[in-house]
Amino acid sequence: MRKTLPLASLALLAACTVGPEFKPAPPPATGAGYGSDGGARAALAEGPGASWWKSFGSPQLNELVGRALTHNHSLAASLATLERSRQRIAAVAGRRLPQVDGQARVEQQKVNLQAFGFDGLAGAGLAIENPEFDLYTVGGGISYDLDLFGRNRRALEQAVAESEAEQRRVEAAHLIITGRVVAQVLAIAGLNDRIATQRALLAEDERDVDLTQKRQKAGVGTLVEVLTAQSQLSEDRARLPGLEQELAEARNMLAILTGASPAELGATDFSLDRLNLPATVPVALPAALVHKRPDILEAEARLHAATAAVGVATAQLYPDITIGANMSQLAGNPGDLFKGKGNAFDIFGSLTAPIFHGGTLKAEQRGAEAEVRASAERYQDVVLEAFRQVSDLLSALDTDGRTFSAQLESARIAERNLYLSRRSFQVGNSGVLQVLDAGRSYQRARLALVEARSRQYLNVARLYVATAGGWIGTPES
């Protein structure tokens, strides 16, 4: 003890933590904005609030998002991975505490007395047999790594940072799942509207076919007019199966996102007319976005973990001191195990210093330093990619607004043209082919209007997700 304690005291005085201290990487310089004013539907602020999907005003949509957050299988896997990382923190932290072990041993021994110089007695005519006996041992020991250069401290720092990265990954998974559910619902609503529009157009086509056939029978129409109307009907009818297939695929994807089979999904009679289009989307400023988006925060945590790993690798280059003690009870039979005559103990202090490892330790240190540089570059790339996504979506919102206005005006003009063409045809001032052409123009304008509106809704939802979607906190696994 007198020899061990001074060694331990010296080690504690000299203890330090080697390796670089982590400093958050500065995000790329981006100025005050994203390079686009975003039109009338975006306002630079602190970003979306919690439960952003409720801004679409659909209880059915809200219920589906809740089901996905509860039952989505990929999300459940992410939560399990997060729990594993949290348990690793506890495991690494446990290495910094004194390690206590117990042991029990039963053995049978035979002593070779000749090995101890008793073979001379045999030469004198004394018969000596090598004795056999049982030996029982019960004891335990305690050891403590003084962590002289902070290897265990850096390992714990690394584990905490890696767990934070997994936590951010779970947050990103929640954000992605909610975004995909909302996007699928909006896609289904748009497809439902397109199918309804297409069926209305088919009804118009059938009316045109009926009209041309009646004119032909009355002797005032031609077969060419009938065939033209029938051709338009067949062309429009051929588009319907493709839309219905897209709708079926969208429903199947929505079912998977909610952790159910397509048969269990229930009704999906969404329509864009029954959904609100948010008047304004609160968009986080770049300076706020880097502290809100889970993928950016995950990249920062990965950089922190890589920085701590340099400390672990550096500490491997330096000596390590362990102190401890062992106590045991020995006896020839179990009944004597706990009698004082059989106890034994030792108190120790050991120092281990690397001398030659073939360059392995230095290579591991250089590799860890290279990983820090790589993680820093990945962080910068993630930030720039996030800014690009937001900038693209801000620009898309502006474009969507102008496109929708133009399509709306085009549909109104086409509707007016169709109305006048029919009136002109009724009084005999134009032929039926002019009416059919006007009808086709109106049909194309209506479908384009539905598609423009659907794209507008989808890009609003994507912008909510790109600016972190009001994510607050981390769910408990």
Protein backbone atom coordinates (compact mmCIF):
# COMPACT_ATOMS: atom_id res chain seq x y z
CA MET A 1 0.00 0.00 0.00
CA ARG A 2 2.85 2.38 0.90
CA LYS A 3 4.35 1.79 -2.52
CA THR A 4 1.11 1.95 -4.48
CA LEU A 5 -0.44 5.14 -3.11
CA PRO A 6 2.42 7.48 -4.09
CA LEU A 7 2.26 6.11 -7.63
CA ALA A 8 -1.49 6.72 -7.78
CA SER A 9 -1.13 10.23 -6.33
CA LEU A 10 1.48 11.13 -8.93
CA ALA A 11 -0.73 9.81 -11.70
CA LEU A 12 -3.74 11.82 -10.54
CA LEU A 13 -1.65 15.00 -10.45
CA ALA A 14 -0.40 14.38 -13.97
CA ALA A 15 -3.76 13.28 -15.40
CA CYS A 16 -4.94 15.18 -18.48
CA THR A 17 -7.17 14.67 -21.49
CA VAL A 18 -5.28 14.58 -24.78
CA GLY A 19 -6.72 15.27 -28.18
CA PRO A 20 -8.50 18.31 -29.66
CA GLU A 21 -11.49 19.91 -27.96
CA PHE A 22 -14.60 19.98 -30.11
CA LYS A 23 -15.75 23.30 -31.50
CA PRO A 24 -18.91 23.45 -33.66
CA ALA A 25 -18.01 24.04 -37.28
CA PRO A 26 -19.16 27.38 -38.63
CA PRO A 27 -21.80 27.00 -41.37
CA PRO A 28 -21.02 28.30 -44.85
CA ALA A 29 -21.53 32.02 -45.38
CA THR A 30 -24.92 32.48 -47.04
CA GLY A 31 -25.88 36.08 -46.45
CA ALA A 32 -29.24 36.96 -45.01
CA GLY A 33 -31.42 34.84 -47.25
CA TYR A 34 -31.61 31.90 -49.65
CA GLY A 35 -31.32 33.69 -52.98
CA SER A 36 -35.10 33.87 -53.53
CA ASP A 37 -37.82 35.96 -51.93
CA GLY A 38 -40.20 33.02 -52.21
CA GLY A 39 -43.18 34.95 -53.53
CA ALA A 40 -46.26 35.63 -51.47
CA ARG A 41 -46.55 32.26 -49.73
CA ALA A 42 -43.30 32.32 -47.72
CA ALA A 43 -42.24 34.54 -44.84
CA LEU A 44 -38.77 34.40 -43.31
CA ALA A 45 -39.15 33.76 -39.59
CA GLU A 46 -38.10 31.11 -37.06
CA GLY A 47 -39.58 28.30 -39.12
CA PRO A 48 -42.76 26.20 -38.92
CA GLY A 49 -44.46 25.41 -35.64
CA ALA A 50 -45.15 21.96 -34.26
CA SER A 51 -47.66 19.68 -36.05
CA TRP A 52 -47.30 21.70 -39.25
CA TRP A 53 -49.49 19.26 -41.19
CA LYS A 54 -52.53 20.56 -39.32
CA SER A 55 -52.31 23.72 -41.40
CA PHE A 56 -53.93 21.76 -44.25
CA GLY A 57 -57.11 21.53 -42.16
CA SER A 58 -57.87 17.82 -42.56
CA PRO A 59 -58.68 15.68 -39.49
CA GLN A 60 -58.30 12.59 -41.68
CA LEU A 61 -54.79 13.67 -42.65
CA ASN A 62 -53.94 14.36 -39.00
CA GLU A 63 -55.13 10.88 -38.05
CA LEU A 64 -52.98 9.24 -40.73
CA VAL A 65 -49.88 11.15 -39.59
CA GLY A 66 -50.54 10.00 -36.02
CA ARG A 67 -50.84 6.40 -37.17
CA ALA A 68 -47.56 6.65 -39.08
CA LEU A 69 -45.70 8.09 -36.08
CA THR A 70 -47.01 5.22 -33.96
CA HIS A 71 -46.84 2.24 -36.30
CA ASN A 72 -44.28 2.95 -39.03
CA HIS A 73 -41.74 0.10 -39.02
CA SER A 74 -38.69 2.04 -40.24
CA LEU A 75 -39.35 4.61 -37.53
CA ALA A 76 -39.55 1.85 -34.93
CA ALA A 77 -36.20 0.54 -36.15
CA SER A 78 -34.70 4.03 -35.76
CA LEU A 79 -35.99 4.22 -32.20
CA ALA A 80 -34.43 0.84 -31.40
CA THR A 81 -31.10 2.01 -32.82
CA LEU A 82 -31.33 5.12 -30.65
CA GLU A 83 -31.90 2.97 -27.56
CA ARG A 84 -28.83 0.89 -28.47
CA SER A 85 -26.70 4.05 -28.65
CA ARG A 86 -28.01 5.18 -25.25
CA GLN A 87 -27.08 1.85 -23.72
CA ARG A 88 -23.60 2.16 -25.21
CA ILE A 89 -23.17 5.43 -23.28
CA ALA A 90 -23.94 3.56 -20.07
CA ALA A 91 -21.52 0.79 -21.03
CA VAL A 92 -18.67 3.20 -21.81
CA ALA A 93 -19.38 5.26 -18.66
CA GLY A 94 -19.17 2.07 -16.60
CA ARG A 95 -15.55 1.57 -17.65
CA ARG A 96 -14.60 4.77 -15.82
CA LEU A 97 -15.72 3.32 -12.49
CA PRO A 98 -13.84 0.80 -10.35
CA GLN A 99 -14.24 -2.72 -11.73
CA VAL A 100 -15.15 -5.33 -9.12
CA ASP A 101 -15.12 -9.06 -9.87
CA GLY A 102 -15.73 -12.14 -7.77
CA GLN A 103 -14.38 -15.60 -8.37
CA ALA A 104 -14.68 -19.11 -7.01
CA ARG A 105 -12.49 -22.05 -7.93
CA VAL A 106 -12.45 -25.74 -7.15
CA GLU A 107 -9.45 -27.79 -8.18
CA GLN A 108 -7.68 -31.05 -7.47
CA GLN A 109 -3.90 -30.96 -7.30
CA LYS A 110 -1.09 -33.46 -7.14
CA VAL A 111 2.28 -32.19 -5.90
CA ASN A 112 5.46 -33.62 -7.37
CA LEU A 113 7.74 -33.66 -4.31
CA GLN A 114 10.77 -34.65 -6.34
CA ALA A 115 10.54 -31.26 -8.06
CA PHE A 116 11.12 -29.70 -4.65
CA GLY A 117 14.23 -31.79 -3.81
CA PHE A 118 12.63 -34.65 -1.92
CA ASP A 119 13.97 -37.37 -4.24
CA GLY A 120 16.94 -37.97 -1.84
CA LEU A 121 14.66 -39.46 0.75
CA ALA A 122 13.66 -42.16 -1.65
CA GLY A 123 17.33 -43.14 -2.02
CA ALA A 124 17.55 -43.57 1.75
CA GLY A 125 14.84 -46.17 1.65
CA LEU A 126 11.97 -43.89 2.60
CA ALA A 127 8.95 -44.34 0.40
CA ILE A 128 7.39 -40.97 -0.41
CA GLU A 129 4.24 -40.65 -2.43
CA ASN A 130 3.30 -37.47 -4.19
CA PRO A 131 0.25 -36.16 -2.29
CA GLU A 132 -3.12 -35.39 -3.92
CA PHE A 133 -5.56 -32.93 -2.38
CA ASP A 134 -8.50 -30.68 -3.14
CA LEU A 135 -8.24 -26.88 -3.04
CA TYR A 136 -11.17 -24.48 -2.73
CA THR A 137 -10.75 -20.77 -3.42
CA VAL A 138 -13.23 -17.91 -2.98
CA GLY A 139 -12.30 -14.31 -3.48
CA GLY A 140 -12.63 -11.12 -5.42
CA GLY A 141 -10.77 -8.14 -6.69
CA ILE A 142 -11.13 -4.49 -7.52
CA SER A 143 -9.23 -2.52 -10.14
CA TYR A 144 -9.37 1.06 -11.33
CA ASP A 145 -7.94 2.58 -14.49
CA LEU A 146 -6.62 6.04 -13.58
CA ASP A 147 -7.25 7.12 -17.20
CA LEU A 148 -4.05 9.11 -17.09
CA PHE A 149 -4.44 10.74 -20.50
CA GLY A 150 -8.22 10.68 -20.83
CA ARG A 151 -8.76 7.69 -23.10
CA ASN A 152 -11.92 6.64 -21.26
CA ARG A 153 -13.12 10.23 -20.97
CA ARG A 154 -12.77 10.73 -24.71
CA ALA A 155 -14.46 7.38 -25.35
CA LEU A 156 -17.42 8.52 -23.27
CA GLU A 157 -17.51 11.85 -25.11
CA GLN A 158 -17.49 9.94 -28.40
CA ALA A 159 -20.33 7.66 -27.27
CA VAL A 160 -22.44 10.63 -26.17
CA ALA A 161 -21.86 12.39 -29.50
CA GLU A 162 -22.73 9.24 -31.45
CA SER A 163 -25.92 8.87 -29.41
CA GLU A 164 -26.83 12.46 -30.17
CA ALA A 165 -26.28 11.74 -33.86
CA GLU A 166 -28.69 8.78 -33.61
CA GLN A 167 -31.16 11.00 -31.78
CA ARG A 168 -30.98 13.52 -34.63
CA ARG A 169 -31.41 10.67 -37.10
CA VAL A 170 -34.63 9.69 -35.32
CA GLU A 171 -35.82 13.29 -35.48
CA ALA A 172 -35.03 13.32 -39.20
CA ALA A 173 -36.91 10.04 -39.60
CA HIS A 174 -39.97 11.55 -37.88
CA LEU A 175 -39.75 14.58 -40.14
CA ILE A 176 -39.34 12.46 -43.26
CA ILE A 177 -42.22 10.13 -42.32
CA THR A 178 -44.63 13.00 -41.63
CA GLY A 179 -43.55 14.69 -44.85
CA ARG A 180 -44.05 11.52 -46.89
CA VAL A 181 -47.48 10.88 -45.38
CA VAL A 182 -48.60 14.42 -46.16
CA ALA A 183 -47.10 14.21 -49.67
CA GLN A 184 -48.91 10.91 -50.34
CA VAL A 185 -52.21 12.32 -49.10
CA LEU A 186 -51.78 15.38 -51.31
CA ALA A 187 -50.83 13.18 -54.25
CA ILE A 188 -53.93 11.05 -53.67
CA ALA A 189 -56.08 14.18 -53.45
CA GLY A 190 -54.62 15.45 -56.72
CA LEU A 191 -55.14 12.07 -58.41
CA ASN A 192 -58.72 11.89 -57.16
CA ASP A 193 -59.35 15.34 -58.64
CA ARG A 194 -57.65 14.43 -61.91
CA ILE A 195 -59.68 11.23 -62.18
CA ALA A 196 -62.90 13.14 -61.42
CA THR A 197 -61.97 15.71 -64.07
CA GLN A 198 -61.10 12.99 -66.55
CA ARG A 199 -64.44 11.27 -65.98
CA ALA A 200 -66.25 14.55 -66.45
CA LEU A 201 -64.38 15.00 -69.70
CA LEU A 202 -65.40 11.49 -70.79
CA ALA A 203 -69.01 12.44 -70.15
CA GLU A 204 -68.50 15.48 -72.38
CA ASP A 205 -66.90 13.25 -75.05
CA GLU A 206 -69.82 10.82 -74.92
CA ARG A 207 -72.22 13.72 -75.35
CA ASP A 208 -70.26 14.90 -78.38
CA VAL A 209 -70.34 11.39 -79.89
CA ASP A 210 -74.09 11.23 -79.35
CA LEU A 211 -74.54 14.67 -80.91
CA THR A 212 -72.54 13.86 -84.06
CA GLN A 213 -74.32 10.53 -84.50
CA LYS A 214 -77.71 12.23 -84.31
CA ARG A 215 -76.59 14.86 -86.81
CA GLN A 216 -75.42 12.15 -89.19
CA LYS A 217 -78.74 10.30 -88.94
CA ALA A 218 -80.58 13.57 -89.54
CA GLY A 219 -78.59 14.08 -92.71
CA VAL A 220 -76.87 17.30 -91.58
CA GLY A 221 -73.66 15.71 -90.25
CA THR A 222 -70.89 13.62 -91.71
CA LEU A 223 -69.15 10.39 -90.81
CA VAL A 224 -65.91 12.37 -90.38
CA GLU A 225 -67.52 14.31 -87.52
CA VAL A 226 -68.67 11.09 -85.87
CA LEU A 227 -65.21 9.48 -86.17
CA THR A 228 -63.52 12.61 -84.85
CA ALA A 229 -65.74 12.61 -81.76
CA GLN A 230 -65.24 8.86 -81.23
CA SER A 231 -61.47 9.26 -81.60
CA GLN A 232 -61.43 11.94 -78.92
CA LEU A 233 -63.51 9.72 -76.61
CA SER A 234 -61.13 6.77 -77.08
CA GLU A 235 -58.07 8.95 -76.52
CA ASP A 236 -59.43 10.40 -73.27
CA ARG A 237 -60.68 7.03 -72.07
CA ALA A 238 -57.18 5.55 -72.52
CA ARG A 239 -55.79 8.03 -69.97
CA LEU A 240 -58.07 6.88 -67.16
CA PRO A 241 -56.47 3.45 -66.38
CA GLY A 242 -53.06 5.06 -65.94
CA LEU A 243 -54.44 7.56 -63.43
CA GLU A 244 -56.24 4.79 -61.54
CA GLN A 245 -52.98 2.78 -61.39
CA GLU A 246 -51.13 5.81 -59.99
CA LEU A 247 -53.88 6.17 -57.38
CA ALA A 248 -53.59 2.50 -56.38
CA GLU A 249 -49.80 2.80 -56.01
CA ALA A 250 -50.16 5.99 -53.95
CA ARG A 251 -52.64 4.25 -51.63
CA ASN A 252 -50.31 1.28 -51.22
CA MET A 253 -47.41 3.56 -50.31
CA LEU A 254 -49.56 5.43 -47.81
CA ALA A 255 -50.54 2.11 -46.21
CA ILE A 256 -46.87 1.13 -45.81
CA LEU A 257 -46.07 4.51 -44.24
CA THR A 258 -48.81 3.99 -41.66
CA GLY A 259 -47.63 0.44 -40.90
CA ALA A 260 -50.73 -1.21 -42.38
CA SER A 261 -51.66 -3.30 -45.39
CA PRO A 262 -53.57 -1.63 -48.25
CA ALA A 263 -56.72 -3.51 -47.20
CA GLU A 264 -56.47 -1.99 -43.70
CA LEU A 265 -55.90 1.57 -44.87
CA GLY A 266 -59.53 2.59 -45.16
CA ALA A 267 -61.05 5.33 -47.29
CA THR A 268 -58.82 7.86 -49.00
CA ASP A 269 -61.42 10.10 -50.61
CA PHE A 270 -59.26 13.19 -50.35
CA SER A 271 -59.80 16.19 -52.59
CA LEU A 272 -57.79 19.37 -52.92
CA ASP A 273 -61.05 21.31 -52.57
CA ARG A 274 -61.41 19.97 -49.02
CA LEU A 275 -57.84 20.84 -48.01
CA ASN A 276 -56.54 24.24 -46.98
CA LEU A 277 -53.63 25.73 -48.86
CA PRO A 278 -51.69 27.64 -46.16
CA ALA A 279 -51.67 31.34 -46.97
CA THR A 280 -48.12 31.76 -45.60
CA VAL A 281 -45.35 29.27 -44.85
CA PRO A 282 -42.99 30.43 -42.05
CA VAL A 283 -39.49 29.70 -43.31
CA ALA A 284 -36.51 29.56 -40.97
CA LEU A 285 -33.67 31.95 -41.69
CA PRO A 286 -30.37 30.26 -42.62
CA ALA A 287 -28.89 31.08 -39.21
CA ALA A 288 -31.87 29.40 -37.52
CA LEU A 289 -32.05 26.49 -39.97
CA VAL A 290 -28.64 25.13 -38.97
CA HIS A 291 -29.94 24.76 -35.41
CA LYS A 292 -33.29 23.21 -36.41
CA ARG A 293 -32.80 20.73 -39.26
CA PRO A 294 -32.09 17.26 -37.85
CA ASP A 295 -29.78 16.23 -40.69
CA ILE A 296 -27.56 19.29 -40.05
CA LEU A 297 -27.52 18.60 -36.32
CA GLU A 298 -26.71 14.94 -37.00
CA ALA A 299 -23.75 15.92 -39.19
CA GLU A 300 -22.52 18.21 -36.42
CA ALA A 301 -22.80 15.40 -33.86
CA ARG A 302 -20.87 13.06 -36.19
CA LEU A 303 -18.13 15.69 -36.36
CA HIS A 304 -18.09 15.85 -32.56
CA ALA A 305 -17.77 12.05 -32.32
CA ALA A 306 -14.93 12.04 -34.85
CA THR A 307 -13.12 14.74 -32.85
CA ALA A 308 -13.44 12.70 -29.65
CA ALA A 309 -12.11 9.63 -31.48
CA VAL A 310 -8.88 11.54 -32.12
CA GLY A 311 -8.50 11.88 -28.35
CA VAL A 312 -9.04 8.14 -27.88
CA ALA A 313 -6.43 7.31 -30.52
CA THR A 314 -3.97 9.85 -29.09
CA ALA A 315 -4.34 8.50 -25.54
CA GLN A 316 -3.34 5.04 -26.82
CA LEU A 317 0.14 6.46 -27.45
CA TYR A 318 0.70 7.27 -23.77
CA PRO A 319 1.22 5.13 -20.63
CA ASP A 320 -1.73 3.83 -18.66
CA ILE A 321 -1.81 3.15 -14.90
CA THR A 322 -4.14 0.72 -13.15
CA ILE A 323 -4.37 0.20 -9.40
CA GLY A 324 -6.27 -2.49 -7.53
CA ALA A 325 -6.43 -5.16 -4.90
CA ASN A 326 -7.35 -8.84 -4.67
CA MET A 327 -8.44 -10.89 -1.66
CA SER A 328 -9.03 -14.62 -1.52
CA GLN A 329 -9.77 -17.43 0.92
CA LEU A 330 -8.14 -20.82 0.38
CA ALA A 331 -8.96 -24.11 2.10
CA GLY A 332 -8.61 -27.81 1.61
CA ASN A 333 -12.32 -28.35 2.27
CA PRO A 334 -15.36 -26.08 1.97
CA GLY A 335 -15.90 -25.92 5.75
CA ASP A 336 -12.58 -24.12 6.28
CA LEU A 337 -13.05 -21.51 3.56
CA PHE A 338 -13.94 -18.61 5.82
CA LYS A 339 -11.47 -19.28 8.62
CA GLY A 340 -8.81 -16.66 9.12
CA LYS A 341 -5.88 -18.96 8.42
CA GLY A 342 -6.79 -19.25 4.76
CA ASN A 343 -6.96 -15.63 3.68
CA ALA A 344 -4.56 -13.95 1.27
CA PHE A 345 -4.47 -10.56 -0.46
CA ASP A 346 -2.43 -8.41 -2.74
CA ILE A 347 -2.48 -4.70 -3.56
CA PHE A 348 -0.98 -3.65 -6.87
CA GLY A 349 -0.26 -0.79 -9.20
CA SER A 350 0.64 -1.45 -12.81
CA LEU A 351 1.89 0.78 -15.59
CA THR A 352 1.58 -0.15 -19.26
CA ALA A 353 3.37 1.93 -21.88
CA PRO A 354 3.42 1.30 -25.63
CA ILE A 355 6.93 0.77 -26.98
CA PHE A 356 6.60 -0.86 -30.39
CA HIS A 357 3.38 -1.67 -32.24
CA GLY A 358 4.62 -1.54 -35.81
CA GLY A 359 3.19 1.93 -36.43
CA THR A 360 -0.37 0.81 -35.70
CA LEU A 361 -1.12 3.39 -33.00
CA LYS A 362 0.19 6.36 -35.00
CA ALA A 363 -1.69 5.17 -38.07
CA GLU A 364 -4.91 4.96 -36.04
CA GLN A 365 -4.33 8.51 -34.78
CA ARG A 366 -3.72 9.85 -38.31
CA GLY A 367 -6.79 7.97 -39.53
CA ALA A 368 -8.92 9.55 -36.79
CA GLU A 369 -7.64 13.00 -37.73
CA ALA A 370 -8.50 12.34 -41.37
CA GLU A 371 -12.03 11.32 -40.32
CA VAL A 372 -12.40 14.70 -38.56
CA ARG A 373 -11.56 16.48 -41.80
CA ALA A 374 -13.98 14.28 -43.73
CA SER A 375 -16.76 14.86 -41.17
CA ALA A 376 -16.20 18.62 -41.35
CA GLU A 377 -16.55 18.54 -45.12
CA ARG A 378 -19.69 16.39 -44.89
CA TYR A 379 -21.16 18.87 -42.42
CA GLN A 380 -20.55 21.75 -44.81
CA ASP A 381 -22.08 19.72 -47.65
CA VAL A 382 -25.21 18.91 -45.64
CA VAL A 383 -25.69 22.58 -44.74
CA LEU A 384 -25.28 23.73 -48.34
CA GLU A 385 -27.66 21.01 -49.54
CA ALA A 386 -30.25 22.15 -46.99
CA PHE A 387 -29.94 25.74 -48.14
CA ARG A 388 -30.26 24.61 -51.77
CA GLN A 389 -33.45 22.67 -51.03
CA VAL A 390 -35.05 25.62 -49.29
CA SER A 391 -33.97 28.02 -52.03
CA ASP A 392 -35.34 25.72 -54.75
CA LEU A 393 -38.66 25.35 -52.96
CA LEU A 394 -38.98 29.07 -52.34
CA SER A 395 -38.47 29.61 -56.03
CA ALA A 396 -40.92 26.80 -56.81
CA LEU A 397 -43.61 28.41 -54.64
CA ASP A 398 -43.27 31.64 -56.57
CA THR A 399 -43.37 29.75 -59.87
CA ASP A 400 -46.32 27.64 -58.72
CA GLY A 401 -48.33 30.74 -57.83
CA ARG A 402 -47.74 32.33 -61.20
CA THR A 403 -48.36 29.06 -63.06
CA PHE A 404 -51.63 28.44 -61.24
CA SER A 405 -52.84 31.97 -62.02
CA ALA A 406 -51.95 31.52 -65.67
CA GLN A 407 -53.66 28.11 -65.84
CA LEU A 408 -56.74 29.48 -64.12
CA GLU A 409 -56.98 32.25 -66.67
CA SER A 410 -56.40 29.76 -69.49
CA ALA A 411 -59.22 27.53 -68.19
CA ARG A 412 -61.60 30.49 -67.99
CA ILE A 413 -60.80 31.53 -71.54
CA ALA A 414 -61.17 27.94 -72.80
CA GLU A 415 -64.51 27.60 -71.01
CA ARG A 416 -65.74 30.85 -72.54
CA ASN A 417 -64.54 29.75 -75.97
CA LEU A 418 -66.37 26.42 -75.64
CA TYR A 419 -69.57 28.18 -74.60
CA LEU A 420 -69.46 30.56 -77.59
CA SER A 421 -68.56 27.72 -79.99
CA ARG A 422 -71.61 25.76 -78.88
CA ARG A 423 -73.89 28.80 -79.24
CA SER A 424 -72.47 29.45 -82.69
CA PHE A 425 -73.00 25.84 -83.66
CA GLN A 426 -76.59 25.90 -82.40
CA VAL A 427 -77.50 28.84 -84.65
CA GLY A 428 -75.69 27.37 -87.62
CA ASN A 429 -72.74 29.77 -87.78
CA SER A 430 -70.05 27.08 -87.25
CA GLY A 431 -69.50 23.35 -87.62
CA VAL A 432 -69.29 20.64 -85.02
CA LEU A 433 -65.52 20.25 -85.52
CA GLN A 434 -65.02 23.74 -84.12
CA VAL A 435 -67.03 22.74 -81.05
CA LEU A 436 -64.92 19.59 -80.63
CA ASP A 437 -61.68 21.58 -80.91
CA ALA A 438 -62.93 24.04 -78.31
CA GLY A 439 -63.92 21.12 -76.08
CA ARG A 440 -60.47 19.56 -76.32
CA SER A 441 -58.82 22.87 -75.44
CA TYR A 442 -61.09 23.21 -72.42
CA GLN A 443 -60.35 19.64 -71.32
CA ARG A 444 -56.60 20.17 -71.49
CA ALA A 445 -56.91 23.46 -69.58
CA ARG A 446 -58.93 21.84 -66.78
CA LEU A 447 -56.46 18.99 -66.35
CA ALA A 448 -53.50 21.39 -66.40
CA LEU A 449 -55.23 23.49 -63.73
CA VAL A 450 -55.67 20.45 -61.45
CA GLU A 451 -52.03 19.44 -61.95
CA ALA A 452 -50.81 22.99 -61.21
CA ARG A 453 -52.86 23.12 -58.05
CA SER A 454 -51.66 19.72 -56.91
CA ARG A 455 -48.03 20.75 -57.47
CA GLN A 456 -48.66 23.91 -55.44
CA TYR A 457 -49.88 21.88 -52.44
CA LEU A 458 -46.99 19.40 -52.68
CA ASN A 459 -44.32 22.10 -52.78
CA VAL A 460 -45.83 23.81 -49.74
CA ALA A 461 -45.57 20.51 -47.83
CA ARG A 462 -41.99 20.01 -49.03
CA LEU A 463 -41.05 23.48 -47.85
CA TYR A 464 -42.43 22.72 -44.39
CA VAL A 465 -40.21 19.64 -44.22
CA ALA A 466 -37.15 21.40 -45.67
CA THR A 467 -37.29 24.07 -42.97
CA ALA A 468 -37.46 21.43 -40.21
CA GLY A 469 -41.23 21.12 -40.02
CA GLY A 470 -41.62 22.38 -36.49
CA TRP A 471 -39.83 19.38 -35.03
CA ILE A 472 -39.49 19.85 -31.26
CA GLY A 473 -37.75 17.42 -28.94
CA THR A 474 -37.02 13.73 -29.29
CA PRO A 475 -39.60 10.97 -28.74
CA GLU A 476 -38.90 8.46 -26.05
CA SER A 477 -38.31 4.98 -27.35
